[in-house]
Amino acid sequence: VDTHIAQILNALRQSGQEDNTVVVFTSDHCDGLGSHHWSQKTPFYDEISRIPFIVSWKDHTRSSVRDKHHLVNLGTDLFPTLFDFCGIHKPENLRGLSAAQSALGQPDAQSHRYIVSENNHHSGSGNPTDVHGRMVRSTRYKYIRYNKGGNPEQLFDLDTDPGETRNLISNQNTQDVLDEHRDMLNEYLECTHDSFPRYEIT
C-alpha cells in the first residue's frame, strides 16, 4: 500500500499538481484480526468500525495531527468535505458535514454531536440473517444495540476503556449517559426513516 501511495504522490509532484491537490486516504471497514477473539468484520469494535480518514493538502492542512474531537462519518461526510475544499456549495439535500475546516486547523470547526453506523449481519455462507445492529458514537462513548441476541445493548466509555471490555449497561453511574445515547439512536432512526426498532421506555 505504501509503495502505491508513494507512486501517486510522486506523480502529483512531478506533474506540478501537488500544491493544487487535496489528498484523502481512507478505506472500507477494517477486520478484527483476532482482537476480542474475533476474526471477522461484523461487530462494532473500533478495530472494525474505526477506519482511517487522512486529509492532506500541502501548506494548508495541519501535519501529523490526530483529531479526536471531531466526529466524521465517511458515508455522509466525504462529499461535503471535498465540496468544501473545492469551493462548491453543498446541495441542500446532501446529508453530512464537511471536515475541511477541521483539517485546516479551525478550532471552532463544526462537528457531529454523534454519528451512527449500521450493520446487517450475514451468516458464514454469506447469506443475510435477521440480526441487525446500530452503533452510536459520541465523542466519549459508544452505544450499541441489536434487534435480537444474548447481549442486545452495550455501552462503552472509550476514555477509560479504549479496549471496549467493560459493558456499562447495568452500571448505575452511567444511566443518564445510556438514556442520552438511546435518545440519540431514536432520533437518528426517526430522521432517516430507519425501520430498526426504537427503544421504548417502560
C-alpha atoms as a PDB file:
ATOM      1  CA  VAL A   1       0.000   0.000   0.000  1.00  0.00           C
ATOM      2  CA  ASP A   2       2.771   2.449   0.945  1.00  0.00           C
ATOM      3  CA  THR A   3       4.509   1.804  -2.375  1.00  0.00           C
ATOM      4  CA  HIS A   4       1.407   2.603  -4.421  1.00  0.00           C
ATOM      5  CA  ILE A   5       0.621   5.708  -2.358  1.00  0.00           C
ATOM      6  CA  ALA A   6       4.182   6.892  -2.981  1.00  0.00           C
ATOM      7  CA  GLN A   7       3.717   6.396  -6.724  1.00  0.00           C
ATOM      8  CA  ILE A   8       0.603   8.593  -6.682  1.00  0.00           C
ATOM      9  CA  LEU A   9       2.256  11.308  -4.599  1.00  0.00           C
ATOM     10  CA  ASN A  10       5.357  11.265  -6.787  1.00  0.00           C
ATOM     11  CA  ALA A  11       3.191  11.599  -9.906  1.00  0.00           C
ATOM     12  CA  LEU A  12       1.468  14.646  -8.392  1.00  0.00           C
ATOM     13  CA  ARG A  13       4.808  16.190  -7.531  1.00  0.00           C
ATOM     14  CA  GLN A  14       6.340  15.537 -10.952  1.00  0.00           C
ATOM     15  CA  SER A  15       3.281  16.878 -12.777  1.00  0.00           C
ATOM     16  CA  GLY A  16       3.328  20.120 -10.816  1.00  0.00           C
ATOM     17  CA  GLN A  17      -0.103  19.439  -9.273  1.00  0.00           C
ATOM     18  CA  GLU A  18       0.987  18.752  -5.689  1.00  0.00           C
ATOM     19  CA  ASP A  19       0.231  22.285  -4.460  1.00  0.00           C
ATOM     20  CA  ASN A  20      -3.227  22.196  -6.032  1.00  0.00           C
ATOM     21  CA  THR A  21      -4.386  18.753  -4.910  1.00  0.00           C
ATOM     22  CA  VAL A  22      -6.185  17.596  -1.766  1.00  0.00           C
ATOM     23  CA  VAL A  23      -5.235  14.011  -0.987  1.00  0.00           C
ATOM     24  CA  VAL A  24      -7.666  11.864   1.027  1.00  0.00           C
ATOM     25  CA  PHE A  25      -6.714   8.429   2.292  1.00  0.00           C
ATOM     26  CA  THR A  26      -9.468   6.203   3.642  1.00  0.00           C
ATOM     27  CA  SER A  27     -10.718   2.628   3.425  1.00  0.00           C
ATOM     28  CA  ASP A  28     -13.647   0.285   3.677  1.00  0.00           C
ATOM     29  CA  HIS A  29     -14.332  -1.370   7.058  1.00  0.00           C
ATOM     30  CA  CYS A  30     -11.442  -2.886   8.970  1.00  0.00           C
ATOM     31  CA  ASP A  31     -11.103  -6.522  10.088  1.00  0.00           C
ATOM     32  CA  GLY A  32     -10.750  -7.827  13.617  1.00  0.00           C
ATOM     33  CA  LEU A  33      -7.558  -9.838  13.040  1.00  0.00           C
ATOM     34  CA  GLY A  34      -8.020 -11.631  16.351  1.00  0.00           C
ATOM     35  CA  SER A  35      -8.992  -8.677  18.535  1.00  0.00           C
ATOM     36  CA  HIS A  36     -11.639  -9.632  21.107  1.00  0.00           C
ATOM     37  CA  HIS A  37     -11.104 -13.226  19.919  1.00  0.00           C
ATOM     38  CA  TRP A  38     -12.824 -12.311  16.643  1.00  0.00           C
ATOM     39  CA  SER A  39     -11.517 -12.636  13.124  1.00  0.00           C
ATOM     40  CA  GLN A  40     -14.309 -11.037  11.140  1.00  0.00           C
ATOM     41  CA  LYS A  41     -15.890  -7.686  10.323  1.00  0.00           C
ATOM     42  CA  THR A  42     -19.375  -7.777  11.821  1.00  0.00           C
ATOM     43  CA  PRO A  43     -19.078  -6.335  15.395  1.00  0.00           C
ATOM     44  CA  PHE A  44     -18.838  -2.616  16.127  1.00  0.00           C
ATOM     45  CA  TYR A  45     -15.494  -2.746  17.931  1.00  0.00           C
ATOM     46  CA  ASP A  46     -13.131   0.056  16.930  1.00  0.00           C
ATOM     47  CA  GLU A  47     -10.874  -2.443  15.192  1.00  0.00           C
ATOM     48  CA  ILE A  48     -13.670  -2.921  12.643  1.00  0.00           C
ATOM     49  CA  SER A  49     -15.645   0.343  12.609  1.00  0.00           C
ATOM     50  CA  ARG A  50     -12.937   2.986  13.067  1.00  0.00           C
ATOM     51  CA  ILE A  51     -11.449   3.483   9.619  1.00  0.00           C
ATOM     52  CA  PRO A  52      -8.695   5.877   8.506  1.00  0.00           C
ATOM     53  CA  PHE A  53      -9.655   9.313   7.224  1.00  0.00           C
ATOM     54  CA  ILE A  54      -6.452  11.226   6.448  1.00  0.00           C
ATOM     55  CA  VAL A  55      -6.634  14.564   4.639  1.00  0.00           C
ATOM     56  CA  SER A  56      -3.552  16.304   3.283  1.00  0.00           C
ATOM     57  CA  TRP A  57      -3.120  19.491   1.243  1.00  0.00           C
ATOM     58  CA  LYS A  58       0.406  20.831   1.052  1.00  0.00           C
ATOM     59  CA  ASP A  59       0.954  24.009   3.111  1.00  0.00           C
ATOM     60  CA  HIS A  60      -2.731  24.107   4.112  1.00  0.00           C
ATOM     61  CA  THR A  61      -3.741  21.183   6.330  1.00  0.00           C
ATOM     62  CA  ARG A  62      -2.147  20.503   9.668  1.00  0.00           C
ATOM     63  CA  SER A  63       0.657  17.951   9.722  1.00  0.00           C
ATOM     64  CA  SER A  64       0.711  14.834  11.921  1.00  0.00           C
ATOM     65  CA  VAL A  65      -2.390  15.859  13.882  1.00  0.00           C
ATOM     66  CA  ARG A  66      -4.729  13.234  15.258  1.00  0.00           C
ATOM     67  CA  ASP A  67      -8.091  14.882  15.844  1.00  0.00           C
ATOM     68  CA  LYS A  68     -10.100  13.025  18.480  1.00  0.00           C
ATOM     69  CA  HIS A  69     -12.713  15.733  18.984  1.00  0.00           C
ATOM     70  CA  HIS A  70     -14.379  15.987  15.575  1.00  0.00           C
ATOM     71  CA  LEU A  71     -16.503  13.015  14.618  1.00  0.00           C
ATOM     72  CA  VAL A  72     -16.539  12.063  10.941  1.00  0.00           C
ATOM     73  CA  ASN A  73     -18.888   9.639   9.204  1.00  0.00           C
ATOM     74  CA  LEU A  74     -17.291   8.684   5.907  1.00  0.00           C
ATOM     75  CA  GLY A  75     -20.613   7.624   4.381  1.00  0.00           C
ATOM     76  CA  THR A  76     -22.098  11.102   4.734  1.00  0.00           C
ATOM     77  CA  ASP A  77     -19.141  13.485   5.187  1.00  0.00           C
ATOM     78  CA  LEU A  78     -16.744  12.644   2.345  1.00  0.00           C
ATOM     79  CA  PHE A  79     -18.566  14.553  -0.397  1.00  0.00           C
ATOM     80  CA  PRO A  80     -19.319  17.647   1.741  1.00  0.00           C
ATOM     81  CA  THR A  81     -15.622  17.711   2.686  1.00  0.00           C
ATOM     82  CA  LEU A  82     -14.458  17.546  -0.940  1.00  0.00           C
ATOM     83  CA  PHE A  83     -17.052  20.124  -1.999  1.00  0.00           C
ATOM     84  CA  ASP A  84     -15.807  22.467   0.734  1.00  0.00           C
ATOM     85  CA  PHE A  85     -12.176  22.171  -0.395  1.00  0.00           C
ATOM     86  CA  CYS A  86     -13.235  22.837  -3.985  1.00  0.00           C
ATOM     87  CA  GLY A  87     -15.432  25.817  -3.112  1.00  0.00           C
ATOM     88  CA  ILE A  88     -18.578  24.052  -4.292  1.00  0.00           C
ATOM     89  CA  HIS A  89     -21.829  24.754  -2.461  1.00  0.00           C
ATOM     90  CA  LYS A  90     -23.206  21.600  -0.872  1.00  0.00           C
ATOM     91  CA  PRO A  91     -26.655  20.632  -2.207  1.00  0.00           C
ATOM     92  CA  GLU A  92     -29.354  21.155   0.400  1.00  0.00           C
ATOM     93  CA  ASN A  93     -30.494  17.528   0.287  1.00  0.00           C
ATOM     94  CA  LEU A  94     -26.993  16.131   0.856  1.00  0.00           C
ATOM     95  CA  ARG A  95     -26.588  14.834   4.394  1.00  0.00           C
ATOM     96  CA  GLY A  96     -23.327  15.155   6.263  1.00  0.00           C
ATOM     97  CA  LEU A  97     -20.850  17.781   7.424  1.00  0.00           C
ATOM     98  CA  SER A  98     -17.595  18.948   5.935  1.00  0.00           C
ATOM     99  CA  ALA A  99     -14.393  18.002   7.769  1.00  0.00           C
ATOM    100  CA  ALA A 100     -12.365  20.505   5.735  1.00  0.00           C
ATOM    101  CA  GLN A 101     -12.314  23.245   8.364  1.00  0.00           C
ATOM    102  CA  SER A 102     -11.151  20.790  10.999  1.00  0.00           C
ATOM    103  CA  ALA A 103      -8.371  19.576   8.678  1.00  0.00           C
ATOM    104  CA  LEU A 104      -7.361  23.199   8.077  1.00  0.00           C
ATOM    105  CA  GLY A 105      -6.990  23.733  11.831  1.00  0.00           C
ATOM    106  CA  GLN A 106     -10.067  25.815  12.594  1.00  0.00           C
ATOM    107  CA  PRO A 107     -10.655  25.386  16.352  1.00  0.00           C
ATOM    108  CA  ASP A 108     -14.386  26.092  16.066  1.00  0.00           C
ATOM    109  CA  ALA A 109     -14.949  23.732  13.120  1.00  0.00           C
ATOM    110  CA  GLN A 110     -18.427  22.239  13.034  1.00  0.00           C
ATOM    111  CA  SER A 111     -18.719  18.637  14.201  1.00  0.00           C
ATOM    112  CA  HIS A 112     -21.364  15.989  14.719  1.00  0.00           C
ATOM    113  CA  ARG A 113     -22.759  15.537  18.203  1.00  0.00           C
ATOM    114  CA  TYR A 114     -22.835  11.824  17.354  1.00  0.00           C
ATOM    115  CA  ILE A 115     -22.531   9.533  14.345  1.00  0.00           C
ATOM    116  CA  VAL A 116     -24.236   6.211  13.640  1.00  0.00           C
ATOM    117  CA  SER A 117     -23.074   3.010  11.955  1.00  0.00           C
ATOM    118  CA  GLU A 118     -25.367   0.269  10.695  1.00  0.00           C
ATOM    119  CA  ASN A 119     -24.760  -3.460  10.381  1.00  0.00           C
ATOM    120  CA  ASN A 120     -26.974  -6.164   8.949  1.00  0.00           C
ATOM    121  CA  HIS A 121     -25.351  -9.482   9.753  1.00  0.00           C
ATOM    122  CA  HIS A 122     -24.632 -12.300   7.332  1.00  0.00           C
ATOM    123  CA  SER A 123     -24.210 -15.985   8.032  1.00  0.00           C
ATOM    124  CA  GLY A 124     -20.985 -17.897   7.465  1.00  0.00           C
ATOM    125  CA  SER A 125     -22.187 -18.728   3.954  1.00  0.00           C
ATOM    126  CA  GLY A 126     -22.642 -15.034   3.186  1.00  0.00           C
ATOM    127  CA  ASN A 127     -26.431 -15.082   3.317  1.00  0.00           C
ATOM    128  CA  PRO A 128     -28.251 -12.247   5.122  1.00  0.00           C
ATOM    129  CA  THR A 129     -29.697 -13.025   8.550  1.00  0.00           C
ATOM    130  CA  ASP A 130     -32.403 -11.286  10.555  1.00  0.00           C
ATOM    131  CA  VAL A 131     -29.882  -9.949  13.101  1.00  0.00           C
ATOM    132  CA  HIS A 132     -29.327  -6.205  12.730  1.00  0.00           C
ATOM    133  CA  GLY A 133     -27.330  -3.719  14.769  1.00  0.00           C
ATOM    134  CA  ARG A 134     -26.837   0.013  15.136  1.00  0.00           C
ATOM    135  CA  MET A 135     -23.977   1.854  16.849  1.00  0.00           C
ATOM    136  CA  VAL A 136     -23.990   5.421  18.181  1.00  0.00           C
ATOM    137  CA  ARG A 137     -20.582   7.030  18.626  1.00  0.00           C
ATOM    138  CA  SER A 138     -20.309  10.264  20.572  1.00  0.00           C
ATOM    139  CA  THR A 139     -17.041  11.939  21.481  1.00  0.00           C
ATOM    140  CA  ARG A 140     -16.530   9.780  24.570  1.00  0.00           C
ATOM    141  CA  TYR A 141     -18.991   6.888  24.437  1.00  0.00           C
ATOM    142  CA  LYS A 142     -20.097   4.110  22.143  1.00  0.00           C
ATOM    143  CA  TYR A 143     -23.634   2.720  22.419  1.00  0.00           C
ATOM    144  CA  ILE A 144     -24.612  -0.443  20.527  1.00  0.00           C
ATOM    145  CA  ARG A 145     -27.990  -2.097  20.145  1.00  0.00           C
ATOM    146  CA  TYR A 146     -29.046  -5.243  18.305  1.00  0.00           C
ATOM    147  CA  ASN A 147     -32.571  -6.257  17.455  1.00  0.00           C
ATOM    148  CA  LYS A 148     -32.012  -9.712  18.978  1.00  0.00           C
ATOM    149  CA  GLY A 149     -29.374 -11.881  20.618  1.00  0.00           C
ATOM    150  CA  GLY A 150     -27.954 -12.570  24.053  1.00  0.00           C
ATOM    151  CA  ASN A 151     -26.311  -9.148  24.520  1.00  0.00           C
ATOM    152  CA  PRO A 152     -28.693  -6.701  22.816  1.00  0.00           C
ATOM    153  CA  GLU A 153     -27.293  -3.488  24.375  1.00  0.00           C
ATOM    154  CA  GLN A 154     -23.757  -2.331  25.049  1.00  0.00           C
ATOM    155  CA  LEU A 155     -22.263   0.921  26.328  1.00  0.00           C
ATOM    156  CA  PHE A 156     -18.525   1.609  26.446  1.00  0.00           C
ATOM    157  CA  ASP A 157     -16.589   4.557  27.873  1.00  0.00           C
ATOM    158  CA  LEU A 158     -13.805   4.934  25.318  1.00  0.00           C
ATOM    159  CA  ASP A 159     -11.811   7.311  27.544  1.00  0.00           C
ATOM    160  CA  THR A 160     -11.439   4.848  30.408  1.00  0.00           C
ATOM    161  CA  ASP A 161     -11.932   1.612  28.450  1.00  0.00           C
ATOM    162  CA  PRO A 162     -10.495   2.015  24.925  1.00  0.00           C
ATOM    163  CA  GLY A 163     -10.348  -1.767  24.549  1.00  0.00           C
ATOM    164  CA  GLU A 164     -14.143  -1.973  24.921  1.00  0.00           C
ATOM    165  CA  THR A 165     -14.020  -4.697  27.562  1.00  0.00           C
ATOM    166  CA  ARG A 166     -16.481  -3.359  30.169  1.00  0.00           C
ATOM    167  CA  ASN A 167     -20.132  -3.087  29.195  1.00  0.00           C
ATOM    168  CA  LEU A 168     -21.693  -0.288  31.289  1.00  0.00           C
ATOM    169  CA  ILE A 169     -25.336  -1.071  30.543  1.00  0.00           C
ATOM    170  CA  SER A 170     -26.016  -2.151  34.128  1.00  0.00           C
ATOM    171  CA  ASN A 171     -23.804   0.482  35.762  1.00  0.00           C
ATOM    172  CA  GLN A 172     -25.992   2.831  37.786  1.00  0.00           C
ATOM    173  CA  ASN A 173     -23.451   5.659  37.429  1.00  0.00           C
ATOM    174  CA  THR A 174     -23.912   5.837  33.663  1.00  0.00           C
ATOM    175  CA  GLN A 175     -27.682   5.546  33.352  1.00  0.00           C
ATOM    176  CA  ASP A 176     -28.030   9.180  32.273  1.00  0.00           C
ATOM    177  CA  VAL A 177     -25.399   8.606  29.582  1.00  0.00           C
ATOM    178  CA  LEU A 178     -27.217   5.455  28.492  1.00  0.00           C
ATOM    179  CA  ASP A 179     -30.554   7.253  28.232  1.00  0.00           C
ATOM    180  CA  GLU A 180     -28.925  10.081  26.246  1.00  0.00           C
ATOM    181  CA  HIS A 181     -27.465   7.646  23.716  1.00  0.00           C
ATOM    182  CA  ARG A 182     -30.726   5.725  23.433  1.00  0.00           C
ATOM    183  CA  ASP A 183     -32.369   9.037  22.575  1.00  0.00           C
ATOM    184  CA  MET A 184     -29.637   9.766  20.018  1.00  0.00           C
ATOM    185  CA  LEU A 185     -30.298   6.487  18.258  1.00  0.00           C
ATOM    186  CA  ASN A 186     -34.060   7.026  18.312  1.00  0.00           C
ATOM    187  CA  GLU A 187     -33.516  10.494  16.820  1.00  0.00           C
ATOM    188  CA  TYR A 188     -31.360   9.033  14.044  1.00  0.00           C
ATOM    189  CA  LEU A 189     -33.870   6.280  13.283  1.00  0.00           C
ATOM    190  CA  GLU A 190     -36.636   8.850  13.039  1.00  0.00           C
ATOM    191  CA  CYS A 191     -34.833  11.292  10.753  1.00  0.00           C
ATOM    192  CA  THR A 192     -33.508   8.571   8.422  1.00  0.00           C
ATOM    193  CA  HIS A 193     -36.787   6.602   8.351  1.00  0.00           C
ATOM    194  CA  ASP A 194     -34.882   3.529   9.543  1.00  0.00           C
ATOM    195  CA  SER A 195     -37.129   0.567  10.397  1.00  0.00           C
ATOM    196  CA  PHE A 196     -34.736  -0.636  13.122  1.00  0.00           C
ATOM    197  CA  PRO A 197     -36.683  -0.977  16.421  1.00  0.00           C
ATOM    198  CA  ARG A 198     -36.828   2.142  18.601  1.00  0.00           C
ATOM    199  CA  TYR A 199     -36.008   1.923  22.289  1.00  0.00           C
ATOM    200  CA  GLU A 200     -39.248   2.097  24.218  1.00  0.00           C
ATOM    201  CA  ILE A 201     -39.153   3.487  27.755  1.00  0.00           C
ATOM    202  CA  THR A 202     -41.116   1.214  30.080  1.00  0.00           C
END
